[in-house]
């Protein structure tokens, strides 16, 4: 197509002229049917008009409700073409001009042509409504040439133009705009060839419409495919939020005009989910993810290679709408995922509470049933041990029986605390003093285990109203747990602090830590990771029961290999149930 003047109609026979127009029309319709990008299509279409007609320049200015498109190509510019797209702003309408610099004579001609209000009796109008001038010097209105385009969009008559033709461009159902051809040769456009040029321009109009329809259909299919894929991800309840967003971002590039050069990213809060090449984007568009009226992130799609202008930069207007829809769908999906996650959490808490209530009832019953036989065992063992004629070995055995029975009694007390069958005796005391007393008995154990103890005590800590014995049990259980979690030594940190209503006790270690599954079960009664002879699995469930009985909260943070932190928040003056 570089030799644009090689096959123009000038000097050809009528049959050859008709064949040339028909061949060019077929090429133009084939291009339109392929749905190539607008810039490429218009460049090639204007090249065909230049090649067939042999004119020096061709301009087309078309307009719809969304955009105005101006394209211009000169025969001596090789493959270069000027293309400018302007989006219409419904909120700020301005008077539209068909001419480049508002020449009144030419503007009137163009407006009448677009509105089909032409006087066919005038020698410069054809019966089809085209405007043509065979010799610019002979045209009665010389001001029609007094135009300086200055790079503006629109029809104009260049200073060296000697002959011109302006023809309406009609689509399948409406008038699209105007196409202008001009020549530096006087008498180039004659009544003999204008009619055939009009037919060629009619094909241009049909081709523009056909290309737009083909592209719109293809893009609509891609858009629906993208949205359908996202809808399936949203409906996939088993996917985590992270998995859903990463899968969603992979669906975006195929929905854009140049999928091979497209990359996408979804940013939610501080997390980012992206496709390959996202760091190489040179042209991009984005849409905010808004949840509950707050911007939580954005969706971004861009090209890694510069693309020609279409509607909004290199992007189609439909792509802008698609991105907004995707952002809304993702916001809805994120909201749904958060709701379902909260629902699952609440259901888990309800199941946990139900299990605790059931086990608590069982534990209380078992504890009451065991108390009497254990008391008998202790009593009879002590009587037997007091017999004067009992041997030393038997007396030691009897003392072991007593010791074991008393240990069993302590376990039963723990069961009763867990099941809340025993009411705490709440009196004011200072938690710092309790910590000092409790750690005194454990000091030798720290030294033996190679544990460094650090206490960060709030010296202004107020007294707390609580059961001192039970609080000591909480501290002891947590400290012993931490010691057991550091078989090779480590650091144990105990902190206290307070605000106007609450006291905070933190026990933190640098031990082996816990995984997510263990964290979910640590407060379940009889759950333990220790060997059979190292624990009953009641320690942390008792701690949980005591804290709950004091209207407090307990929070645990732990990671495997990074230690564990227990934070207990207790009200200074708890409100009792009526």
Protein backbone atom coordinates (compact mmCIF):
# COMPACT_ATOMS: atom_id res chain seq x y z
CA UNK A 1 0.00 0.00 0.00
CA UNK A 2 3.06 2.29 -0.07
CA UNK A 3 2.55 3.22 -3.76
CA UNK A 4 -0.76 4.94 -3.11
CA UNK A 5 -1.17 6.40 -6.61
CA UNK A 6 -0.41 3.21 -8.51
CA UNK A 7 -3.98 2.22 -9.32
CA UNK A 8 -6.11 5.41 -9.22
CA UNK A 9 -9.16 5.84 -11.41
CA UNK A 10 -7.72 8.64 -13.49
CA UNK A 11 -7.16 7.52 -17.06
CA UNK A 12 -8.77 4.10 -16.59
CA UNK A 13 -11.62 2.72 -18.60
CA UNK A 14 -15.07 2.70 -17.03
CA UNK A 15 -14.88 -1.07 -16.54
CA UNK A 16 -11.46 -0.83 -14.90
CA UNK A 17 -12.69 1.97 -12.64
CA UNK A 18 -15.67 -0.12 -11.49
CA UNK A 19 -13.44 -3.15 -10.84
CA UNK A 20 -10.97 -1.01 -8.86
CA UNK A 21 -13.75 0.37 -6.65
CA UNK A 22 -15.22 -3.11 -6.16
CA UNK A 23 -11.83 -4.61 -5.28
CA UNK A 24 -11.12 -1.82 -2.77
CA UNK A 25 -14.58 -2.23 -1.28
CA UNK A 26 -13.98 -5.95 -0.75
CA UNK A 27 -10.62 -5.26 0.92
CA UNK A 28 -12.20 -2.67 3.17
CA UNK A 29 -15.06 -4.97 4.21
CA UNK A 30 -12.64 -7.83 4.88
CA UNK A 31 -10.61 -5.54 7.16
CA UNK A 32 -13.78 -4.50 8.96
CA UNK A 33 -14.92 -8.11 9.33
CA UNK A 34 -11.60 -9.05 10.97
CA UNK A 35 -12.27 -6.52 13.74
CA UNK A 36 -8.78 -5.00 13.72
CA UNK A 37 -8.12 -2.03 16.07
CA UNK A 38 -9.71 1.26 15.07
CA UNK A 39 -6.43 3.07 14.42
CA UNK A 40 -5.15 0.37 12.10
CA UNK A 41 -8.48 0.06 10.31
CA UNK A 42 -8.85 3.81 9.66
CA UNK A 43 -5.24 4.12 8.51
CA UNK A 44 -5.69 1.28 6.04
CA UNK A 45 -9.14 2.47 4.92
CA UNK A 46 -7.85 5.98 4.20
CA UNK A 47 -4.89 4.40 2.38
CA UNK A 48 -7.30 2.48 0.16
CA UNK A 49 -9.19 5.68 -0.68
CA UNK A 50 -5.91 7.41 -1.56
CA UNK A 51 -4.77 4.46 -3.65
CA UNK A 52 -8.00 4.08 -5.60
CA UNK A 53 -8.75 7.76 -6.17
CA UNK A 54 -5.20 9.08 -6.55
CA UNK A 55 -6.06 12.24 -4.57
CA UNK A 56 -3.47 13.98 -2.42
CA UNK A 57 -5.25 13.93 0.95
CA UNK A 58 -8.25 12.29 2.59
CA UNK A 59 -9.95 13.27 5.86
CA UNK A 60 -12.82 11.68 7.72
CA UNK A 61 -14.67 13.12 10.69
CA UNK A 62 -17.29 10.84 12.31
CA UNK A 63 -19.21 11.17 15.54
CA UNK A 64 -21.50 9.14 17.82
CA UNK A 65 -22.99 9.70 21.28
CA UNK A 66 -19.72 8.75 23.00
CA UNK A 67 -16.87 10.05 20.85
CA UNK A 68 -15.67 12.11 17.92
CA UNK A 69 -13.04 10.52 15.65
CA UNK A 70 -10.96 12.49 13.16
CA UNK A 71 -8.47 10.84 10.82
CA UNK A 72 -6.33 12.34 8.06
CA UNK A 73 -3.85 10.85 5.63
CA UNK A 74 -1.68 12.38 2.88
CA UNK A 75 -0.42 10.55 -0.18
CA UNK A 76 3.18 11.68 0.45
CA UNK A 77 3.22 10.51 4.10
CA UNK A 78 3.76 6.81 3.30
CA UNK A 79 2.00 4.78 6.02
CA UNK A 80 1.62 7.68 8.45
CA UNK A 81 -1.87 8.79 9.42
CA UNK A 82 -3.23 11.33 11.90
CA UNK A 83 -5.85 10.02 14.30
CA UNK A 84 -7.50 11.93 17.13
CA UNK A 85 -10.28 10.66 19.37
CA UNK A 86 -12.24 12.99 21.65
CA UNK A 87 -14.70 11.67 24.21
CA UNK A 88 -17.95 13.61 24.47
CA UNK A 89 -18.73 15.00 27.91
CA UNK A 90 -22.52 14.85 28.54
CA UNK A 91 -22.08 16.93 31.69
CA UNK A 92 -20.38 19.75 29.77
CA UNK A 93 -21.84 19.91 26.26
CA UNK A 94 -20.24 22.34 23.81
CA UNK A 95 -21.33 23.41 20.37
CA UNK A 96 -19.92 20.86 17.97
CA UNK A 97 -18.10 22.09 14.88
CA UNK A 98 -17.48 20.00 11.77
CA UNK A 99 -14.73 22.28 10.53
CA UNK A 100 -11.20 22.65 11.84
CA UNK A 101 -11.27 26.36 12.60
CA UNK A 102 -14.91 27.34 12.34
CA UNK A 103 -14.93 28.76 8.78
CA UNK A 104 -18.52 29.96 8.51
CA UNK A 105 -19.00 29.14 4.82
CA UNK A 106 -17.54 25.63 5.09
CA UNK A 107 -19.27 24.97 8.45
CA UNK A 108 -22.63 25.81 6.91
CA UNK A 109 -21.98 23.42 4.02
CA UNK A 110 -20.93 20.61 6.39
CA UNK A 111 -23.90 21.08 8.72
CA UNK A 112 -26.36 21.02 5.83
CA UNK A 113 -24.76 17.87 4.46
CA UNK A 114 -24.91 16.04 7.80
CA UNK A 115 -28.56 17.09 8.21
CA UNK A 116 -29.35 16.16 4.55
CA UNK A 117 -30.42 19.75 3.87
CA UNK A 118 -28.63 20.44 0.59
CA UNK A 119 -29.85 22.18 -2.53
CA UNK A 120 -29.16 19.72 -5.34
CA UNK A 121 -29.89 22.45 -7.89
CA UNK A 122 -26.63 24.15 -6.94
CA UNK A 123 -23.81 23.09 -9.30
CA UNK A 124 -21.51 22.18 -6.37
CA UNK A 125 -23.94 19.65 -4.84
CA UNK A 126 -24.71 16.19 -6.22
CA UNK A 127 -28.04 14.41 -6.05
CA UNK A 128 -26.59 12.19 -3.28
CA UNK A 129 -25.81 15.23 -1.16
CA UNK A 130 -22.06 15.52 -1.76
CA UNK A 131 -20.24 18.83 -2.09
CA UNK A 132 -17.59 19.07 -4.81
CA UNK A 133 -15.47 21.79 -6.39
CA UNK A 134 -13.74 21.06 -9.67
CA UNK A 135 -11.79 24.35 -9.66
CA UNK A 136 -11.28 26.19 -6.40
CA UNK A 137 -10.34 29.42 -8.24
CA UNK A 138 -13.75 29.46 -9.93
CA UNK A 139 -15.78 28.84 -6.75
CA UNK A 140 -17.91 31.93 -6.00
CA UNK A 141 -17.14 31.99 -2.24
CA UNK A 142 -13.38 32.45 -1.96
CA UNK A 143 -13.51 32.59 1.85
CA UNK A 144 -14.06 28.84 1.96
CA UNK A 145 -10.29 28.44 1.45
CA UNK A 146 -9.23 30.91 4.09
CA UNK A 147 -8.68 28.26 6.71
CA UNK A 148 -5.67 27.45 8.87
CA UNK A 149 -6.15 24.01 10.43
CA UNK A 150 -3.53 24.42 13.20
CA UNK A 151 -3.80 20.75 14.10
CA UNK A 152 -7.49 20.99 15.05
CA UNK A 153 -9.99 18.26 14.30
CA UNK A 154 -12.34 18.82 11.41
CA UNK A 155 -12.86 19.33 7.70
CA UNK A 156 -10.80 22.09 6.08
CA UNK A 157 -9.55 23.20 2.66
CA UNK A 158 -5.76 23.40 2.62
CA UNK A 159 -4.14 26.46 0.93
CA UNK A 160 -2.76 24.49 -2.03
CA UNK A 161 -6.02 22.60 -2.69
CA UNK A 162 -7.30 23.07 -6.25
CA UNK A 163 -10.14 20.54 -6.25
CA UNK A 164 -12.09 18.86 -3.42
CA UNK A 165 -14.95 16.48 -2.69
CA UNK A 166 -16.81 16.21 0.65
CA UNK A 167 -19.17 13.24 0.92
CA UNK A 168 -21.54 12.12 3.71
CA UNK A 169 -20.51 8.89 5.42
CA UNK A 170 -23.55 6.72 6.11
CA UNK A 171 -23.65 3.64 8.32
CA UNK A 172 -26.32 0.97 8.25
CA UNK A 173 -28.87 3.02 10.20
CA UNK A 174 -27.54 6.57 10.55
CA UNK A 175 -25.28 9.25 9.16
CA UNK A 176 -21.85 8.87 10.74
CA UNK A 177 -20.13 12.01 9.50
CA UNK A 178 -18.17 13.34 6.53
CA UNK A 179 -15.27 12.23 4.34
CA UNK A 180 -13.24 14.74 2.38
CA UNK A 181 -10.83 14.18 -0.52
CA UNK A 182 -8.72 16.94 -2.02
CA UNK A 183 -6.21 17.31 -4.81
CA UNK A 184 -3.59 19.86 -5.80
CA UNK A 185 -4.67 19.28 -9.41
CA UNK A 186 -7.38 21.50 -10.86
CA UNK A 187 -10.30 19.56 -12.31
CA UNK A 188 -9.36 16.39 -10.45
CA UNK A 189 -12.93 15.83 -9.21
CA UNK A 190 -15.36 15.82 -12.10
CA UNK A 191 -19.00 14.90 -12.47
CA UNK A 192 -17.78 11.75 -14.24
CA UNK A 193 -15.86 10.29 -11.30
CA UNK A 194 -17.63 11.81 -8.29
CA UNK A 195 -20.44 9.25 -8.45
CA UNK A 196 -17.98 6.34 -8.21
CA UNK A 197 -16.15 8.03 -5.34
CA UNK A 198 -19.48 8.36 -3.55
CA UNK A 199 -19.98 4.60 -3.84
CA UNK A 200 -16.53 4.03 -2.42
CA UNK A 201 -17.31 6.32 0.52
CA UNK A 202 -20.60 4.48 1.03
CA UNK A 203 -18.54 1.30 1.48
CA UNK A 204 -16.31 3.15 3.97
CA UNK A 205 -19.41 3.95 6.05
CA UNK A 206 -20.65 0.36 6.00
CA UNK A 207 -17.15 -0.88 6.84
CA UNK A 208 -16.86 1.52 9.82
CA UNK A 209 -20.19 0.26 11.15
CA UNK A 210 -19.30 -3.38 10.48
CA UNK A 211 -15.93 -3.09 12.25
CA UNK A 212 -17.56 -1.41 15.25
CA UNK A 213 -20.20 -4.14 15.44
CA UNK A 214 -17.64 -6.93 15.12
CA UNK A 215 -15.39 -5.38 17.79
CA UNK A 216 -18.32 -4.66 20.09
CA UNK A 217 -19.53 -8.26 19.77
CA UNK A 218 -16.07 -9.70 20.36
CA UNK A 219 -15.41 -7.42 23.31
CA UNK A 220 -18.84 -8.15 24.76
CA UNK A 221 -18.09 -11.89 24.61
CA UNK A 222 -14.73 -11.28 26.31
CA UNK A 223 -16.40 -9.05 28.90
CA UNK A 224 -19.08 -11.63 29.69
CA UNK A 225 -16.46 -14.39 29.84
CA UNK A 226 -14.44 -12.32 32.32
CA UNK A 227 -17.48 -11.50 34.47
CA UNK A 228 -18.71 -15.10 34.33
CA UNK A 229 -15.31 -16.30 35.52
CA UNK A 230 -15.33 -13.83 38.40
CA UNK A 231 -18.90 -14.81 39.31
CA UNK A 232 -17.81 -18.46 39.50
CA UNK A 233 -14.92 -17.51 41.78
CA UNK A 234 -17.28 -15.57 44.05
CA UNK A 235 -19.60 -18.57 44.25
CA UNK A 236 -16.70 -20.92 45.10
CA UNK A 237 -17.10 -20.96 48.87
CA UNK A 238 -14.01 -23.15 49.44
CA UNK A 239 -11.61 -20.57 47.99
CA UNK A 240 -9.88 -18.26 50.42
CA UNK A 241 -9.98 -14.52 49.76
CA UNK A 242 -6.35 -14.59 48.63
CA UNK A 243 -6.97 -17.47 46.20
CA UNK A 244 -10.07 -15.77 44.81
CA UNK A 245 -8.31 -12.44 44.16
CA UNK A 246 -5.28 -14.07 42.51
CA UNK A 247 -7.57 -16.14 40.25
CA UNK A 248 -9.66 -13.04 39.46
CA UNK A 249 -6.67 -10.97 38.42
CA UNK A 250 -5.61 -13.71 35.98
CA UNK A 251 -9.01 -13.36 34.22
CA UNK A 252 -8.56 -9.66 33.42
CA UNK A 253 -5.92 -9.47 30.60
CA UNK A 254 -7.90 -11.76 28.21
CA UNK A 255 -10.82 -9.30 28.49
CA UNK A 256 -8.85 -6.41 26.94
CA UNK A 257 -8.25 -5.50 23.29
CA UNK A 258 -4.56 -6.51 23.31
CA UNK A 259 -4.49 -9.49 25.72
CA UNK A 260 -0.92 -10.54 24.88
CA UNK A 261 0.45 -7.18 26.01
CA UNK A 262 -1.92 -6.72 28.96
CA UNK A 263 -1.12 -7.13 32.66
CA UNK A 264 -3.33 -6.64 35.70
CA UNK A 265 -3.16 -6.06 39.42
CA UNK A 266 -5.61 -6.03 42.34
CA UNK A 267 -4.57 -4.20 45.50
CA UNK A 268 -6.59 -4.74 48.69
CA UNK A 269 -5.44 -2.90 51.80
CA UNK A 270 -1.71 -3.76 51.95
CA UNK A 271 -1.94 -6.93 49.86
CA UNK A 272 -1.25 -7.06 46.12
CA UNK A 273 -2.24 -9.74 43.58
CA UNK A 274 -0.78 -9.41 40.08
CA UNK A 275 -0.11 -11.11 36.75
CA UNK A 276 3.28 -11.35 35.09
CA UNK A 277 4.60 -8.12 33.57
CA UNK A 278 2.67 -5.76 35.84
CA UNK A 279 5.87 -3.84 36.70
CA UNK A 280 6.42 -3.12 32.98
CA UNK A 281 3.08 -1.36 32.40
CA UNK A 282 3.44 1.89 30.41
CA UNK A 283 -0.26 2.68 29.85
CA UNK A 284 -2.88 1.87 32.45
CA UNK A 285 -6.41 2.41 33.72
CA UNK A 286 -7.77 1.69 37.19
CA UNK A 287 -10.97 1.56 39.22
CA UNK A 288 -11.38 1.81 43.00
CA UNK A 289 -12.61 -1.04 45.20
CA UNK A 290 -15.08 0.60 47.58
CA UNK A 291 -16.55 -1.34 50.53
CA UNK A 292 -18.99 0.24 52.99
CA UNK A 293 -18.25 3.65 51.52
CA UNK A 294 -14.48 3.34 52.06
CA UNK A 295 -11.80 2.84 49.44
CA UNK A 296 -10.05 -0.42 50.28
CA UNK A 297 -7.95 -0.79 47.13
CA UNK A 298 -8.13 -0.74 43.34
CA UNK A 299 -8.13 -2.85 40.17
CA UNK A 300 -5.58 -1.91 37.51
CA UNK A 301 -5.11 -3.10 33.93
CA UNK A 302 -2.46 -1.82 31.55
CA UNK A 303 -0.32 -2.51 28.51
CA UNK A 304 3.40 -3.25 28.59
CA UNK A 305 3.76 -1.84 25.03
CA UNK A 306 2.58 1.58 23.81
CA UNK A 307 -0.76 1.34 21.98
CA UNK A 308 -2.48 3.92 19.71
CA UNK A 309 -5.33 6.07 21.06
CA UNK A 310 -8.87 4.71 20.96
CA UNK A 311 -11.34 6.22 23.45
CA UNK A 312 -9.56 6.76 26.77
CA UNK A 313 -5.95 6.68 25.70
CA UNK A 314 -5.36 3.21 24.25
CA UNK A 315 -8.43 1.81 26.00
CA UNK A 316 -11.97 1.35 24.75
CA UNK A 317 -14.90 2.97 26.51
CA UNK A 318 -16.36 -0.51 27.05
CA UNK A 319 -13.16 -1.56 28.80
CA UNK A 320 -13.54 1.32 31.24
CA UNK A 321 -17.09 0.15 32.01
CA UNK A 322 -15.85 -3.44 32.37
CA UNK A 323 -13.16 -2.42 34.84
CA UNK A 324 -15.70 -0.51 36.94
CA UNK A 325 -17.97 -3.58 36.93
CA UNK A 326 -15.09 -5.86 37.94
CA UNK A 327 -14.20 -3.51 40.82
CA UNK A 328 -17.82 -3.60 42.04
CA UNK A 329 -17.98 -7.39 41.75
CA UNK A 330 -14.74 -7.81 43.67
CA UNK A 331 -15.95 -5.40 46.37
CA UNK A 332 -19.11 -7.49 46.72
CA UNK A 333 -17.07 -10.72 46.79
CA UNK A 334 -14.69 -9.37 49.43
CA UNK A 335 -17.66 -8.28 51.53
CA UNK A 336 -19.26 -11.72 51.16
CA UNK A 337 -16.03 -13.52 52.00
CA UNK A 338 -15.59 -11.38 55.10
CA UNK A 339 -19.18 -12.06 56.13
CA UNK A 340 -18.79 -15.82 55.62
CA UNK A 341 -15.48 -15.82 57.52
CA UNK A 342 -17.12 -13.99 60.41
CA UNK A 343 -20.05 -16.39 60.27
CA UNK A 344 -17.72 -19.41 60.39
CA UNK A 345 -15.85 -17.86 63.30
CA UNK A 346 -19.08 -17.27 65.23
CA UNK A 347 -20.29 -20.80 64.47
CA UNK A 348 -16.97 -22.16 65.72
CA UNK A 349 -17.30 -20.13 68.90
CA UNK A 350 -20.83 -21.44 69.40
CA UNK A 351 -19.71 -25.03 68.86
CA UNK A 352 -16.81 -24.46 71.24
CA UNK A 353 -19.13 -23.00 73.88
CA UNK A 354 -21.52 -25.90 73.43
CA UNK A 355 -18.69 -28.42 73.85
CA UNK A 356 -17.43 -26.61 76.93
CA UNK A 357 -20.92 -26.57 78.45
CA UNK A 358 -21.37 -30.30 77.82
CA UNK A 359 -17.92 -31.21 79.13
CA UNK A 360 -18.42 -28.87 82.07
CA UNK A 361 -21.61 -30.67 83.07
CA UNK A 362 -19.89 -34.03 82.71
CA UNK A 363 -16.84 -32.82 84.65
CA UNK A 364 -18.96 -31.47 87.50
CA UNK A 365 -20.85 -34.75 87.78
CA UNK A 366 -17.68 -36.83 87.68
CA UNK A 367 -15.94 -34.56 90.21
CA UNK A 368 -18.80 -34.82 92.71
CA UNK A 369 -18.98 -38.59 92.28
CA UNK A 370 -15.22 -38.97 92.81
CA UNK A 371 -14.92 -36.70 95.82
CA UNK A 372 -16.51 -39.18 98.26
CA UNK A 373 -14.46 -42.29 97.33
CA UNK A 374 -11.26 -40.22 97.26
CA UNK A 375 -12.04 -38.88 100.73
CA UNK A 376 -12.55 -42.48 101.90
CA UNK A 377 -9.27 -43.56 100.30
CA UNK A 378 -7.37 -40.75 102.01
CA UNK A 379 -9.05 -41.40 105.37
CA UNK A 380 -8.54 -45.15 105.43
CA UNK A 381 -4.97 -44.86 104.12
CA UNK A 382 -4.11 -42.39 106.87
CA UNK A 383 -5.72 -44.70 109.51
CA UNK A 384 -3.80 -47.68 108.20
CA UNK A 385 -0.55 -45.72 108.22
CA UNK A 386 -1.12 -44.78 111.90
CA UNK A 387 -1.21 -48.39 113.09
CA UNK A 388 1.76 -48.95 115.42
CA UNK A 389 2.64 -52.42 114.19
CA UNK A 390 2.74 -51.52 110.46
CA UNK A 391 6.11 -51.94 108.83
CA UNK A 392 8.08 -49.04 107.48
CA UNK A 393 7.63 -50.14 103.86
CA UNK A 394 3.87 -50.45 104.22
CA UNK A 395 3.70 -47.05 105.91
CA UNK A 396 5.56 -45.51 102.96
CA UNK A 397 3.16 -47.21 100.56
CA UNK A 398 0.19 -45.86 102.52
CA UNK A 399 1.67 -42.36 102.37
CA UNK A 400 2.00 -42.74 98.57
CA UNK A 401 -1.68 -43.69 98.43
CA UNK A 402 -2.56 -40.56 100.39
CA UNK A 403 -0.34 -38.40 98.16
CA UNK A 404 -1.84 -39.82 94.97
CA UNK A 405 -5.38 -39.40 96.26
CA UNK A 406 -4.68 -35.78 97.21
CA UNK A 407 -3.26 -35.19 93.71
CA UNK A 408 -6.44 -36.65 92.26
CA UNK A 409 -8.37 -34.26 94.51
CA UNK A 410 -6.48 -31.32 93.00
CA UNK A 411 -7.46 -32.50 89.52
CA UNK A 412 -11.08 -32.65 90.68
CA UNK A 413 -10.79 -29.10 91.99
CA UNK A 414 -9.59 -28.10 88.53
CA UNK A 415 -12.59 -29.80 86.98
CA UNK A 416 -14.89 -27.92 89.34
CA UNK A 417 -13.22 -24.62 88.45
CA UNK A 418 -13.53 -25.42 84.75
CA UNK A 419 -17.20 -26.29 85.13
CA UNK A 420 -17.66 -23.20 87.36
CA UNK A 421 -19.17 -25.31 90.11
CA UNK A 422 -17.01 -23.50 92.65
CA UNK A 423 -17.61 -19.78 93.09
CA UNK A 424 -14.49 -17.61 93.26
CA UNK A 425 -13.90 -15.63 96.44
CA UNK A 426 -13.21 -12.16 95.08
CA UNK A 427 -11.31 -9.74 97.30
CA UNK A 428 -9.05 -6.77 96.44
CA UNK A 429 -5.33 -7.55 96.09
CA UNK A 430 -2.35 -6.34 94.07
CA UNK A 431 -1.47 -8.47 91.05
CA UNK A 432 2.18 -7.38 91.15
CA UNK A 433 2.54 -8.82 94.68
CA UNK A 434 0.89 -12.08 93.56
CA UNK A 435 3.38 -12.34 90.68
CA UNK A 436 6.29 -11.78 93.06
CA UNK A 437 5.01 -14.46 95.46
CA UNK A 438 4.25 -16.96 92.70
CA UNK A 439 7.58 -16.61 90.93
CA UNK A 440 9.49 -17.04 94.20
CA UNK A 441 8.59 -20.74 94.29
CA UNK A 442 9.48 -21.22 90.61
CA UNK A 443 12.86 -19.48 90.64
CA UNK A 444 14.87 -22.67 91.08
CA UNK A 445 13.03 -24.23 88.15
CA UNK A 446 14.02 -21.30 85.89
CA UNK A 447 17.69 -21.70 86.81
CA UNK A 448 17.59 -25.44 86.20
CA UNK A 449 15.91 -25.00 82.80
CA UNK A 450 18.26 -22.23 81.66
CA UNK A 451 15.50 -19.64 81.43
CA UNK A 452 16.08 -15.91 81.76
CA UNK A 453 13.21 -14.18 83.54
CA UNK A 454 12.34 -10.56 82.84
CA UNK A 455 9.53 -8.72 84.61
CA UNK A 456 8.17 -5.47 83.21
CA UNK A 457 5.88 -4.46 86.06
CA UNK A 458 3.58 -1.44 86.10
CA UNK A 459 4.42 0.15 89.47
CA UNK A 460 1.18 2.16 89.47
CA UNK A 461 -0.97 -0.95 89.02
CA UNK A 462 -4.19 -0.60 91.06
CA UNK A 463 -5.64 -3.42 93.15
CA UNK A 464 -7.90 -5.84 91.38
CA UNK A 465 -11.01 -7.50 92.79
CA UNK A 466 -10.56 -11.20 92.09
CA UNK A 467 -9.98 -14.62 93.63
CA UNK A 468 -6.32 -14.53 94.62
CA UNK A 469 -5.87 -18.31 94.72
CA UNK A 470 -7.36 -18.70 91.25
CA UNK A 471 -5.25 -15.87 89.83
CA UNK A 472 -2.18 -17.60 91.26
CA UNK A 473 -3.30 -20.77 89.53
CA UNK A 474 -3.61 -18.85 86.22
CA UNK A 475 -0.10 -17.41 86.57
CA UNK A 476 1.40 -20.74 87.60
CA UNK A 477 -0.20 -22.66 84.72
CA UNK A 478 0.92 -20.10 82.11
CA UNK A 479 4.49 -19.91 83.48
CA UNK A 480 4.81 -23.71 83.67
CA UNK A 481 3.49 -23.97 80.11
CA UNK A 482 6.13 -21.49 78.94
CA UNK A 483 8.91 -23.33 80.78
CA UNK A 484 7.88 -26.61 79.14
CA UNK A 485 7.85 -24.86 75.73
CA UNK A 486 11.56 -23.94 76.17
CA UNK A 487 13.36 -27.28 76.70
CA UNK A 488 16.66 -25.71 75.61
CA UNK A 489 16.23 -22.54 77.63
CA UNK A 490 15.10 -19.12 76.50
CA UNK A 491 13.51 -15.89 77.69
CA UNK A 492 10.36 -15.55 79.78
CA UNK A 493 8.79 -12.08 79.93
CA UNK A 494 6.00 -11.12 82.33
CA UNK A 495 4.37 -7.71 81.94
CA UNK A 496 1.57 -5.84 83.65
CA UNK A 497 -0.18 -2.62 82.63
CA UNK A 498 -3.52 -0.94 83.09
CA UNK A 499 -5.99 1.67 81.92
CA UNK A 500 -8.99 3.19 83.69
CA UNK A 501 -11.05 -0.01 83.63
CA UNK A 502 -8.79 -2.99 82.99
CA UNK A 503 -5.55 -4.66 84.02
CA UNK A 504 -3.40 -6.49 81.46
CA UNK A 505 -1.21 -9.48 82.35
CA UNK A 506 1.12 -10.74 79.60
CA UNK A 507 3.17 -13.95 79.78
CA UNK A 508 5.50 -14.30 76.78
CA UNK A 509 8.15 -16.88 75.93
CA UNK A 510 10.65 -17.59 73.16
CA UNK A 511 9.81 -21.27 72.98
CA UNK A 512 8.79 -23.68 70.25
CA UNK A 513 5.50 -21.92 69.53
CA UNK A 514 2.30 -23.46 68.19
CA UNK A 515 0.80 -24.00 64.76
CA UNK A 516 -2.69 -22.88 63.78
CA UNK A 517 -4.33 -26.24 64.49
CA UNK A 518 -2.86 -26.40 68.01
CA UNK A 519 -3.95 -22.80 68.70
CA UNK A 520 -7.53 -23.71 67.84
CA UNK A 521 -7.59 -26.46 70.48
CA UNK A 522 -5.47 -25.27 73.41
CA UNK A 523 -8.45 -24.29 75.59
CA UNK A 524 -10.30 -27.56 74.96
CA UNK A 525 -10.30 -29.70 78.12
CA UNK A 526 -7.98 -32.73 78.05
CA UNK A 527 -6.24 -31.47 74.89
CA UNK A 528 -2.48 -31.72 75.29
CA UNK A 529 0.63 -32.04 73.15
CA UNK A 530 2.62 -33.49 76.05
CA UNK A 531 3.35 -37.14 76.76
CA UNK A 532 0.89 -39.14 78.85
CA UNK A 533 2.86 -38.73 82.09
CA UNK A 534 3.55 -35.00 81.62
CA UNK A 535 0.11 -33.41 81.81
CA UNK A 536 -3.66 -33.85 81.95
CA UNK A 537 -4.66 -31.27 79.33
CA UNK A 538 -6.67 -29.32 81.91
CA UNK A 539 -4.21 -26.48 82.63
CA UNK A 540 -5.20 -24.01 79.90
CA UNK A 541 -8.89 -24.96 79.99
CA UNK A 542 -8.83 -24.15 83.73
CA UNK A 543 -7.08 -20.85 82.95
CA UNK A 544 -9.79 -20.09 80.39
CA UNK A 545 -12.50 -20.96 82.90
CA UNK A 546 -11.02 -18.77 85.64
CA UNK A 547 -10.58 -15.79 83.29
CA UNK A 548 -14.13 -16.17 81.99
CA UNK A 549 -15.45 -16.41 85.57
CA UNK A 550 -13.76 -13.06 86.27
CA UNK A 551 -15.39 -11.45 83.18
CA UNK A 552 -12.03 -11.22 81.47
CA UNK A 553 -10.60 -12.04 78.02
CA UNK A 554 -7.59 -14.10 77.03
CA UNK A 555 -5.77 -13.71 73.73
CA UNK A 556 -3.04 -15.97 72.36
CA UNK A 557 -0.50 -15.23 69.62
CA UNK A 558 2.01 -17.86 68.56
CA UNK A 559 4.09 -18.98 65.60
CA UNK A 560 6.08 -22.20 65.30
CA UNK A 561 9.68 -21.54 66.30
CA UNK A 562 8.97 -17.95 67.38
CA UNK A 563 7.38 -18.37 70.79
CA UNK A 564 3.99 -17.67 72.34
CA UNK A 565 2.30 -14.74 74.05
CA UNK A 566 -0.70 -15.01 76.38
CA UNK A 567 -2.43 -11.69 77.11
CA UNK A 568 -5.10 -11.65 79.85
CA UNK A 569 -7.33 -8.60 80.25
CA UNK A 570 -9.25 -8.42 83.54
CA UNK A 571 -11.70 -5.76 84.71
CA UNK A 572 -10.48 -3.93 87.83
CA UNK A 573 -13.97 -4.07 89.33
CA UNK A 574 -15.98 -6.76 87.51
CA UNK A 575 -19.74 -6.37 87.26
CA UNK A 576 -21.40 -9.38 88.84
CA UNK A 577 -24.48 -11.13 87.47
CA UNK A 578 -27.70 -10.48 89.39
